[in-house]
Amino acid sequence: MNNQQLLIAVLIIAYVFSPTLLNWMINPEGSWLRPYIIWFFMILAAVFVYQPWRKDDQP
């Protein structure tokens, strides 16, 4: 699976689960760090998708 297919799959999954995640994130009885958990996983996914090195590029 190349990066373009992975990105399309992630966008479709995000579109399907966004209402549930939004309700979970803004729930007033929830923890204050819920939005930061979402952002952490988004940044982590971006690091893995857009890493500048590949296994076949290494010496």
PDB file of N, CA and C in Angstrom:
ATOM      1  N   MET A   1       0.862  -1.178   0.000  1.00  0.00           N
ATOM      2  CA  MET A   1       0.000   0.000   0.000  1.00  0.00           C
ATOM      3  C   MET A   1       0.905   1.238   0.000  1.00  0.00           C
ATOM      4  N   ASN A   2       0.703   2.101  -0.971  1.00  0.00           N
ATOM      5  CA  ASN A   2       1.525   3.306  -1.015  1.00  0.00           C
ATOM      6  C   ASN A   2       0.907   4.404  -0.147  1.00  0.00           C
ATOM      7  N   ASN A   3       1.616   5.531  -0.060  1.00  0.00           N
ATOM      8  CA  ASN A   3       1.182   6.610   0.830  1.00  0.00           C
ATOM      9  C   ASN A   3      -0.149   7.222   0.417  1.00  0.00           C
ATOM     10  N   GLN A   4      -0.416   7.284  -0.875  1.00  0.00           N
ATOM     11  CA  GLN A   4      -1.660   7.894  -1.335  1.00  0.00           C
ATOM     12  C   GLN A   4      -2.859   7.037  -0.936  1.00  0.00           C
ATOM     13  N   GLN A   5      -2.748   5.741  -1.081  1.00  0.00           N
ATOM     14  CA  GLN A   5      -3.835   4.857  -0.673  1.00  0.00           C
ATOM     15  C   GLN A   5      -4.031   4.895   0.840  1.00  0.00           C
ATOM     16  N   LEU A   6      -2.933   4.963   1.590  1.00  0.00           N
ATOM     17  CA  LEU A   6      -3.018   5.042   3.039  1.00  0.00           C
ATOM     18  C   LEU A   6      -3.702   6.341   3.469  1.00  0.00           C
ATOM     19  N   LEU A   7      -3.347   7.435   2.824  1.00  0.00           N
ATOM     20  CA  LEU A   7      -3.960   8.717   3.152  1.00  0.00           C
ATOM     21  C   LEU A   7      -5.455   8.714   2.849  1.00  0.00           C
ATOM     22  N   ILE A   8      -5.847   8.139   1.742  1.00  0.00           N
ATOM     23  CA  ILE A   8      -7.272   8.053   1.394  1.00  0.00           C
ATOM     24  C   ILE A   8      -8.016   7.199   2.412  1.00  0.00           C
ATOM     25  N   ALA A   9      -7.417   6.087   2.824  1.00  0.00           N
ATOM     26  CA  ALA A   9      -8.047   5.227   3.823  1.00  0.00           C
ATOM     27  C   ALA A   9      -8.193   5.945   5.158  1.00  0.00           C
ATOM     28  N   VAL A  10      -7.181   6.687   5.563  1.00  0.00           N
ATOM     29  CA  VAL A  10      -7.255   7.434   6.826  1.00  0.00           C
ATOM     30  C   VAL A  10      -8.318   8.524   6.756  1.00  0.00           C
ATOM     31  N   LEU A  11      -8.425   9.201   5.620  1.00  0.00           N
ATOM     32  CA  LEU A  11      -9.446  10.241   5.483  1.00  0.00           C
ATOM     33  C   LEU A  11     -10.856   9.667   5.523  1.00  0.00           C
ATOM     34  N   ILE A  12     -11.054   8.515   4.911  1.00  0.00           N
ATOM     35  CA  ILE A  12     -12.378   7.876   4.956  1.00  0.00           C
ATOM     36  C   ILE A  12     -12.722   7.453   6.377  1.00  0.00           C
ATOM     37  N   ILE A  13     -11.758   6.861   7.083  1.00  0.00           N
ATOM     38  CA  ILE A  13     -11.991   6.457   8.473  1.00  0.00           C
ATOM     39  C   ILE A  13     -12.264   7.677   9.344  1.00  0.00           C
ATOM     40  N   ALA A  14     -11.513   8.752   9.140  1.00  0.00           N
ATOM     41  CA  ALA A  14     -11.731   9.974   9.911  1.00  0.00           C
ATOM     42  C   ALA A  14     -13.115  10.559   9.640  1.00  0.00           C
ATOM     43  N   TYR A  15     -13.550  10.507   8.390  1.00  0.00           N
ATOM     44  CA  TYR A  15     -14.874  11.023   8.045  1.00  0.00           C
ATOM     45  C   TYR A  15     -15.984  10.213   8.715  1.00  0.00           C
ATOM     46  N   VAL A  16     -15.808   8.903   8.763  1.00  0.00           N
ATOM     47  CA  VAL A  16     -16.833   8.041   9.355  1.00  0.00           C
ATOM     48  C   VAL A  16     -16.907   8.225  10.874  1.00  0.00           C
ATOM     49  N   PHE A  17     -15.748   8.321  11.521  1.00  0.00           N
ATOM     50  CA  PHE A  17     -15.726   8.381  12.978  1.00  0.00           C
ATOM     51  C   PHE A  17     -15.662   9.794  13.551  1.00  0.00           C
ATOM     52  N   SER A  18     -15.652  10.818  12.728  1.00  0.00           N
ATOM     53  CA  SER A  18     -15.526  12.184  13.242  1.00  0.00           C
ATOM     54  C   SER A  18     -16.684  12.613  14.139  1.00  0.00           C
ATOM     55  N   PRO A  19     -17.944  12.281  13.858  1.00  0.00           N
ATOM     56  CA  PRO A  19     -19.000  12.703  14.792  1.00  0.00           C
ATOM     57  C   PRO A  19     -18.844  12.080  16.180  1.00  0.00           C
ATOM     58  N   THR A  20     -18.472  10.813  16.222  1.00  0.00           N
ATOM     59  CA  THR A  20     -18.280  10.153  17.513  1.00  0.00           C
ATOM     60  C   THR A  20     -17.103  10.755  18.262  1.00  0.00           C
ATOM     61  N   LEU A  21     -15.998  10.991  17.563  1.00  0.00           N
ATOM     62  CA  LEU A  21     -14.832  11.579  18.209  1.00  0.00           C
ATOM     63  C   LEU A  21     -15.108  12.997  18.677  1.00  0.00           C
ATOM     64  N   LEU A  22     -15.853  13.754  17.900  1.00  0.00           N
ATOM     65  CA  LEU A  22     -16.165  15.124  18.298  1.00  0.00           C
ATOM     66  C   LEU A  22     -17.028  15.146  19.548  1.00  0.00           C
ATOM     67  N   ASN A  23     -18.041  14.289  19.602  1.00  0.00           N
ATOM     68  CA  ASN A  23     -18.876  14.220  20.805  1.00  0.00           C
ATOM     69  C   ASN A  23     -18.080  13.761  22.015  1.00  0.00           C
ATOM     70  N   TRP A  24     -17.175  12.810  21.823  1.00  0.00           N
ATOM     71  CA  TRP A  24     -16.337  12.331  22.914  1.00  0.00           C
ATOM     72  C   TRP A  24     -15.387  13.420  23.395  1.00  0.00           C
ATOM     73  N   MET A  25     -14.869  14.207  22.434  1.00  0.00           N
ATOM     74  CA  MET A  25     -13.881  15.226  22.762  1.00  0.00           C
ATOM     75  C   MET A  25     -14.492  16.406  23.518  1.00  0.00           C
ATOM     76  N   ILE A  26     -15.716  16.817  23.165  1.00  0.00           N
ATOM     77  CA  ILE A  26     -16.296  18.013  23.778  1.00  0.00           C
ATOM     78  C   ILE A  26     -17.278  17.703  24.897  1.00  0.00           C
ATOM     79  N   ASN A  27     -17.338  16.467  25.324  1.00  0.00           N
ATOM     80  CA  ASN A  27     -18.229  16.086  26.414  1.00  0.00           C
ATOM     81  C   ASN A  27     -17.831  16.844  27.687  1.00  0.00           C
ATOM     82  N   PRO A  28     -18.755  17.590  28.308  1.00  0.00           N
ATOM     83  CA  PRO A  28     -18.400  18.393  29.473  1.00  0.00           C
ATOM     84  C   PRO A  28     -17.986  17.564  30.696  1.00  0.00           C
ATOM     85  N   GLU A  29     -18.445  16.333  30.795  1.00  0.00           N
ATOM     86  CA  GLU A  29     -18.063  15.507  31.928  1.00  0.00           C
ATOM     87  C   GLU A  29     -16.729  14.799  31.709  1.00  0.00           C
ATOM     88  N   GLY A  30     -16.113  15.000  30.567  1.00  0.00           N
ATOM     89  CA  GLY A  30     -14.877  14.310  30.239  1.00  0.00           C
ATOM     90  C   GLY A  30     -13.654  15.005  30.796  1.00  0.00           C
ATOM     91  N   SER A  31     -12.535  14.377  30.584  1.00  0.00           N
ATOM     92  CA  SER A  31     -11.261  14.899  31.047  1.00  0.00           C
ATOM     93  C   SER A  31     -10.830  16.087  30.192  1.00  0.00           C
ATOM     94  N   TRP A  32     -10.039  16.988  30.776  1.00  0.00           N
ATOM     95  CA  TRP A  32      -9.591  18.179  30.065  1.00  0.00           C
ATOM     96  C   TRP A  32      -8.567  17.854  28.991  1.00  0.00           C
ATOM     97  N   LEU A  33      -7.946  16.684  29.051  1.00  0.00           N
ATOM     98  CA  LEU A  33      -6.888  16.394  28.090  1.00  0.00           C
ATOM     99  C   LEU A  33      -7.358  15.615  26.874  1.00  0.00           C
ATOM    100  N   ARG A  34      -8.627  15.400  26.722  1.00  0.00           N
ATOM    101  CA  ARG A  34      -9.141  14.662  25.559  1.00  0.00           C
ATOM    102  C   ARG A  34      -8.769  15.292  24.216  1.00  0.00           C
ATOM    103  N   PRO A  35      -8.901  16.600  24.050  1.00  0.00           N
ATOM    104  CA  PRO A  35      -8.491  17.166  22.750  1.00  0.00           C
ATOM    105  C   PRO A  35      -7.010  16.953  22.457  1.00  0.00           C
ATOM    106  N   TYR A  36      -6.194  16.959  23.507  1.00  0.00           N
ATOM    107  CA  TYR A  36      -4.768  16.769  23.314  1.00  0.00           C
ATOM    108  C   TYR A  36      -4.441  15.332  22.925  1.00  0.00           C
ATOM    109  N   ILE A  37      -5.233  14.381  23.348  1.00  0.00           N
ATOM    110  CA  ILE A  37      -5.040  12.991  22.938  1.00  0.00           C
ATOM    111  C   ILE A  37      -5.276  12.861  21.436  1.00  0.00           C
ATOM    112  N   ILE A  38      -6.339  13.487  20.947  1.00  0.00           N
ATOM    113  CA  ILE A  38      -6.632  13.461  19.514  1.00  0.00           C
ATOM    114  C   ILE A  38      -5.482  14.091  18.723  1.00  0.00           C
ATOM    115  N   TRP A  39      -5.011  15.258  19.159  1.00  0.00           N
ATOM    116  CA  TRP A  39      -3.923  15.928  18.461  1.00  0.00           C
ATOM    117  C   TRP A  39      -2.646  15.105  18.503  1.00  0.00           C
ATOM    118  N   PHE A  40      -2.370  14.445  19.616  1.00  0.00           N
ATOM    119  CA  PHE A  40      -1.173  13.609  19.719  1.00  0.00           C
ATOM    120  C   PHE A  40      -1.190  12.500  18.675  1.00  0.00           C
ATOM    121  N   PHE A  41      -2.322  11.815  18.532  1.00  0.00           N
ATOM    122  CA  PHE A  41      -2.399  10.736  17.559  1.00  0.00           C
ATOM    123  C   PHE A  41      -2.346  11.253  16.127  1.00  0.00           C
ATOM    124  N   MET A  42      -2.872  12.440  15.880  1.00  0.00           N
ATOM    125  CA  MET A  42      -2.779  13.015  14.538  1.00  0.00           C
ATOM    126  C   MET A  42      -1.334  13.356  14.185  1.00  0.00           C
ATOM    127  N   ILE A  43      -0.598  13.918  15.127  1.00  0.00           N
ATOM    128  CA  ILE A  43       0.804  14.253  14.898  1.00  0.00           C
ATOM    129  C   ILE A  43       1.628  12.983  14.728  1.00  0.00           C
ATOM    130  N   LEU A  44       1.351  11.983  15.540  1.00  0.00           N
ATOM    131  CA  LEU A  44       2.063  10.718  15.440  1.00  0.00           C
ATOM    132  C   LEU A  44       1.825  10.050  14.084  1.00  0.00           C
ATOM    133  N   ALA A  45       0.602  10.089  13.606  1.00  0.00           N
ATOM    134  CA  ALA A  45       0.293   9.522  12.286  1.00  0.00           C
ATOM    135  C   ALA A  45       1.017  10.300  11.187  1.00  0.00           C
ATOM    136  N   ALA A  46       1.084  11.615  11.308  1.00  0.00           N
ATOM    137  CA  ALA A  46       1.783  12.424  10.301  1.00  0.00           C
ATOM    138  C   ALA A  46       3.271  12.112  10.273  1.00  0.00           C
ATOM    139  N   VAL A  47       3.857  11.867  11.431  1.00  0.00           N
ATOM    140  CA  VAL A  47       5.281  11.520  11.483  1.00  0.00           C
ATOM    141  C   VAL A  47       5.532  10.210  10.748  1.00  0.00           C
ATOM    142  N   PHE A  48       4.681   9.220  10.959  1.00  0.00           N
ATOM    143  CA  PHE A  48       4.883   7.929  10.307  1.00  0.00           C
ATOM    144  C   PHE A  48       4.591   7.986   8.812  1.00  0.00           C
ATOM    145  N   VAL A  49       3.623   8.763   8.403  1.00  0.00           N
ATOM    146  CA  VAL A  49       3.286   8.831   6.977  1.00  0.00           C
ATOM    147  C   VAL A  49       4.314   9.644   6.199  1.00  0.00           C
ATOM    148  N   TYR A  50       4.790  10.731   6.760  1.00  0.00           N
ATOM    149  CA  TYR A  50       5.675  11.630   6.029  1.00  0.00           C
ATOM    150  C   TYR A  50       7.117  11.551   6.492  1.00  0.00           C
ATOM    151  N   GLN A  51       7.544  10.417   6.980  1.00  0.00           N
ATOM    152  CA  GLN A  51       8.944  10.295   7.381  1.00  0.00           C
ATOM    153  C   GLN A  51       9.846  10.386   6.152  1.00  0.00           C
ATOM    154  N   PRO A  52      10.974  11.076   6.274  1.00  0.00           N
ATOM    155  CA  PRO A  52      11.810  11.318   5.100  1.00  0.00           C
ATOM    156  C   PRO A  52      12.639  10.119   4.668  1.00  0.00           C
ATOM    157  N   TRP A  53      12.739   9.110   5.480  1.00  0.00           N
ATOM    158  CA  TRP A  53      13.548   7.951   5.125  1.00  0.00           C
ATOM    159  C   TRP A  53      12.670   6.749   4.831  1.00  0.00           C
ATOM    160  N   ARG A  54      13.195   5.872   4.039  1.00  0.00           N
ATOM    161  CA  ARG A  54      12.520   4.625   3.718  1.00  0.00           C
ATOM    162  C   ARG A  54      13.523   3.495   3.959  1.00  0.00           C
ATOM    163  N   LYS A  55      13.047   2.292   4.122  1.00  0.00           N
ATOM    164  CA  LYS A  55      13.942   1.171   4.404  1.00  0.00           C
ATOM    165  C   LYS A  55      14.884   0.898   3.244  1.00  0.00           C
ATOM    166  N   ASP A  56      14.419   1.043   2.010  1.00  0.00           N
ATOM    167  CA  ASP A  56      15.277   0.776   0.870  1.00  0.00           C
ATOM    168  C   ASP A  56      16.211   1.943   0.548  1.00  0.00           C
ATOM    169  N   ASP A  57      16.041   3.103   1.179  1.00  0.00           N
ATOM    170  CA  ASP A  57      16.921   4.243   0.966  1.00  0.00           C
ATOM    171  C   ASP A  57      18.113   4.237   1.909  1.00  0.00           C
ATOM    172  N   GLN A  58      18.075   3.448   2.944  1.00  0.00           N
ATOM    173  CA  GLN A  58      19.151   3.441   3.932  1.00  0.00           C
ATOM    174  C   GLN A  58      20.327   2.623   3.404  1.00  0.00           C
ATOM    175  N   PRO A  59      21.554   3.038   3.757  1.00  0.00           N
ATOM    176  CA  PRO A  59      22.744   2.300   3.272  1.00  0.00           C
ATOM    177  C   PRO A  59      22.874   0.945   3.912  1.00  0.00           C
TER     178      PRO A  59
END
